[in-house]
Amino acid sequence: MKNSLKIFFLLLTTGLFSGCEKDDICADGTPTTPRLIIEFYSKDNSTVRKIVANLKIQGEGAATTLNFNQVDTIELPLKTNENFTNYSFNINSTSSTATNNTDLIRFNYIVNDIYVSRACGFKSFFNLNLANGVVKTNPEGDDFFWIENVEIVKSNVETEEDVHIKMYF
């Protein structure tokens, strides 16, 4: 009788705990898809970081804009469902005294999706193409580039702790 009572409680306990499963919650500190980090530098002295005033950036087809003022570093998201992202960079966008100018920038890359967990899903890493990772153009009727040079510093976009692109103006 004692043995069958022990076996009954053992089976009951096992049955209760076998119904439990781990919570599917993605922890706050879990790394996600990194953004592209861009720093701005002086075209006259490539070691001096330069502040950008009234910078308005808009992704192609996006309804909203990203507005930056008095910054030397920005973070931009890249599309995970394409191998390129197009942005328009408009300097002095709200200034009434300085010349407002737009350059179109296309970032070309390869997307690598990595499984994180069932709760967090996937995150993406990007590898900028070294030959044509960044392509500058101007809108029609604009002959002046305000961004004079673009340099890929780190082609693998895996974290937001590294600078990936330097832009000189």
Protein backbone atom coordinates (compact mmCIF):
# COMPACT_ATOMS: atom_id res chain seq x y z
CA MET A 1 0.00 0.00 0.00
CA LYS A 2 2.82 2.40 0.88
CA ASN A 3 4.59 1.67 -2.42
CA SER A 4 1.48 2.27 -4.49
CA LEU A 5 0.84 5.55 -2.61
CA LYS A 6 4.42 6.68 -3.33
CA ILE A 7 4.06 5.73 -6.98
CA PHE A 8 0.73 7.61 -7.19
CA PHE A 9 2.27 10.83 -5.75
CA LEU A 10 5.33 10.47 -7.97
CA LEU A 11 3.12 10.15 -11.06
CA LEU A 12 0.91 13.03 -9.91
CA THR A 13 3.94 15.30 -9.32
CA THR A 14 5.48 14.33 -12.66
CA GLY A 15 2.18 15.01 -14.45
CA LEU A 16 1.86 18.46 -12.87
CA PHE A 17 5.37 19.59 -13.79
CA SER A 18 5.36 18.12 -17.29
CA GLY A 19 2.58 20.56 -18.26
CA CYS A 20 4.81 23.56 -17.52
CA GLU A 21 6.81 25.17 -20.29
CA LYS A 22 9.29 28.00 -20.46
CA ASP A 23 7.83 31.50 -20.93
CA ASP A 24 8.25 32.89 -24.44
CA ILE A 25 9.39 36.39 -23.55
CA CYS A 26 12.19 38.14 -25.36
CA ALA A 27 14.41 39.75 -22.71
CA ASP A 28 15.00 43.51 -22.95
CA GLY A 29 18.77 43.15 -23.36
CA THR A 30 18.57 40.73 -26.28
CA PRO A 31 20.50 42.14 -29.27
CA THR A 32 18.30 43.02 -32.23
CA THR A 33 18.95 44.01 -35.83
CA PRO A 34 21.63 46.74 -35.72
CA ARG A 35 21.28 50.13 -37.35
CA LEU A 36 23.91 51.66 -39.64
CA ILE A 37 26.17 54.10 -37.73
CA ILE A 38 27.32 57.16 -39.71
CA GLU A 39 29.78 59.82 -38.51
CA PHE A 40 30.30 63.16 -40.22
CA TYR A 41 33.77 64.66 -40.78
CA SER A 42 35.28 67.82 -42.18
CA LYS A 43 36.23 67.56 -45.85
CA ASP A 44 39.24 69.81 -45.13
CA ASN A 45 40.59 67.76 -42.20
CA SER A 46 39.53 64.12 -42.30
CA THR A 47 40.33 63.58 -38.61
CA VAL A 48 37.96 66.29 -37.31
CA ARG A 49 34.34 65.35 -36.70
CA LYS A 50 31.89 67.94 -37.97
CA ILE A 51 28.47 68.94 -36.66
CA VAL A 52 25.52 68.76 -39.09
CA ALA A 53 22.75 71.34 -38.66
CA ASN A 54 19.12 70.69 -39.53
CA LEU A 55 19.59 67.33 -41.20
CA LYS A 56 16.41 65.73 -42.50
CA ILE A 57 16.62 62.14 -43.72
CA GLN A 58 13.81 60.33 -45.47
CA GLY A 59 13.75 56.75 -46.66
CA GLU A 60 12.44 56.10 -50.15
CA GLY A 61 8.70 55.52 -49.93
CA ALA A 62 8.55 56.44 -46.22
CA ALA A 63 5.87 58.81 -44.97
CA THR A 64 7.92 60.07 -42.02
CA THR A 65 11.32 61.74 -41.80
CA LEU A 66 14.18 61.48 -39.33
CA ASN A 67 15.24 64.92 -38.13
CA PHE A 68 18.65 65.60 -36.58
CA ASN A 69 20.07 68.90 -35.40
CA GLN A 70 23.61 69.66 -34.25
CA VAL A 71 24.85 66.05 -34.45
CA ASP A 72 28.02 64.42 -35.72
CA THR A 73 26.75 60.82 -35.53
CA ILE A 74 23.48 59.26 -36.66
CA GLU A 75 21.92 55.78 -36.73
CA LEU A 76 19.83 54.61 -39.67
CA PRO A 77 17.82 51.40 -40.07
CA LEU A 78 18.38 49.28 -43.16
CA LYS A 79 15.68 47.26 -44.91
CA THR A 80 15.79 43.57 -44.04
CA ASN A 81 13.63 42.45 -46.96
CA GLU A 82 15.79 44.07 -49.69
CA ASN A 83 19.49 44.22 -50.55
CA PHE A 84 19.50 48.02 -50.63
CA THR A 85 18.05 51.04 -48.82
CA ASN A 86 17.65 54.51 -50.38
CA TYR A 87 17.71 57.68 -48.30
CA SER A 88 17.58 61.38 -49.10
CA PHE A 89 19.91 63.49 -46.92
CA ASN A 90 18.75 67.11 -46.76
CA ILE A 91 21.13 69.53 -45.01
CA ASN A 92 19.92 72.88 -43.61
CA SER A 93 16.37 71.65 -44.12
CA THR A 94 14.79 74.26 -41.82
CA SER A 95 17.27 77.10 -42.24
CA SER A 96 16.15 80.33 -43.85
CA THR A 97 19.71 81.68 -44.24
CA ALA A 98 21.85 78.68 -45.27
CA THR A 99 21.47 76.79 -48.53
CA ASN A 100 19.28 73.71 -48.27
CA ASN A 101 20.61 70.81 -50.34
CA THR A 102 19.60 67.17 -50.87
CA ASP A 103 21.84 64.23 -51.74
CA LEU A 104 20.44 60.79 -52.48
CA ILE A 105 22.34 57.91 -50.93
CA ARG A 106 21.85 54.22 -51.71
CA PHE A 107 23.29 51.60 -49.37
CA ASN A 108 23.88 48.22 -51.07
CA TYR A 109 24.38 45.14 -48.90
CA ILE A 110 23.72 41.46 -48.37
CA VAL A 111 21.29 40.51 -45.58
CA ASN A 112 22.11 37.60 -43.25
CA ASP A 113 19.24 36.49 -41.00
CA ILE A 114 20.18 34.80 -37.73
CA TYR A 115 17.78 32.90 -35.49
CA VAL A 116 17.80 34.27 -31.93
CA SER A 117 15.05 32.30 -30.18
CA ARG A 118 11.41 31.36 -30.45
CA ALA A 119 10.40 34.41 -28.42
CA CYS A 120 12.72 36.90 -30.17
CA GLY A 121 12.57 35.49 -33.68
CA PHE A 122 15.30 36.52 -36.13
CA LYS A 123 17.73 39.42 -36.30
CA SER A 124 19.58 40.52 -39.40
CA PHE A 125 23.20 41.39 -40.04
CA PHE A 126 24.30 43.33 -43.11
CA ASN A 127 27.45 43.16 -45.25
CA LEU A 128 27.99 46.36 -47.24
CA ASN A 129 29.27 45.70 -50.75
CA LEU A 130 32.85 46.97 -50.91
CA ALA A 131 32.70 47.85 -54.63
CA ASN A 132 29.45 49.84 -54.52
CA GLY A 133 28.27 49.78 -50.91
CA VAL A 134 27.36 53.48 -50.97
CA VAL A 135 26.19 55.26 -54.14
CA LYS A 136 25.61 59.05 -54.23
CA THR A 137 23.30 60.76 -56.67
CA ASN A 138 21.49 64.10 -56.85
CA PRO A 139 17.84 64.85 -57.44
CA GLU A 140 17.08 66.13 -60.92
CA GLY A 141 18.09 69.76 -61.36
CA ASP A 142 20.61 69.69 -58.46
CA ASP A 143 24.26 69.91 -59.53
CA PHE A 144 25.86 70.32 -56.10
CA PHE A 145 26.75 67.51 -53.68
CA TRP A 146 26.97 68.63 -50.06
CA ILE A 147 28.40 65.21 -49.10
CA GLU A 148 31.74 65.25 -50.87
CA ASN A 149 33.04 61.80 -49.97
CA VAL A 150 31.73 58.62 -48.35
CA GLU A 151 34.01 56.01 -46.80
CA ILE A 152 33.04 52.52 -45.65
CA VAL A 153 34.91 52.02 -42.38
CA LYS A 154 33.44 48.66 -41.43
CA SER A 155 31.50 46.67 -44.01
CA ASN A 156 29.96 44.21 -41.54
CA VAL A 157 27.01 45.80 -39.74
CA GLU A 158 26.69 43.47 -36.74
CA THR A 159 26.52 45.87 -33.77
CA GLU A 160 25.73 49.50 -33.08
CA GLU A 161 29.02 49.95 -31.21
CA ASP A 162 31.12 50.46 -34.33
CA VAL A 163 31.12 53.24 -36.91
CA HIS A 164 30.28 51.78 -40.31
CA ILE A 165 30.32 54.86 -42.59
CA LYS A 166 32.16 58.19 -42.56
CA MET A 167 30.74 61.07 -44.59
CA TYR A 168 32.84 64.14 -45.40
CA PHE A 169 31.36 67.57 -46.12
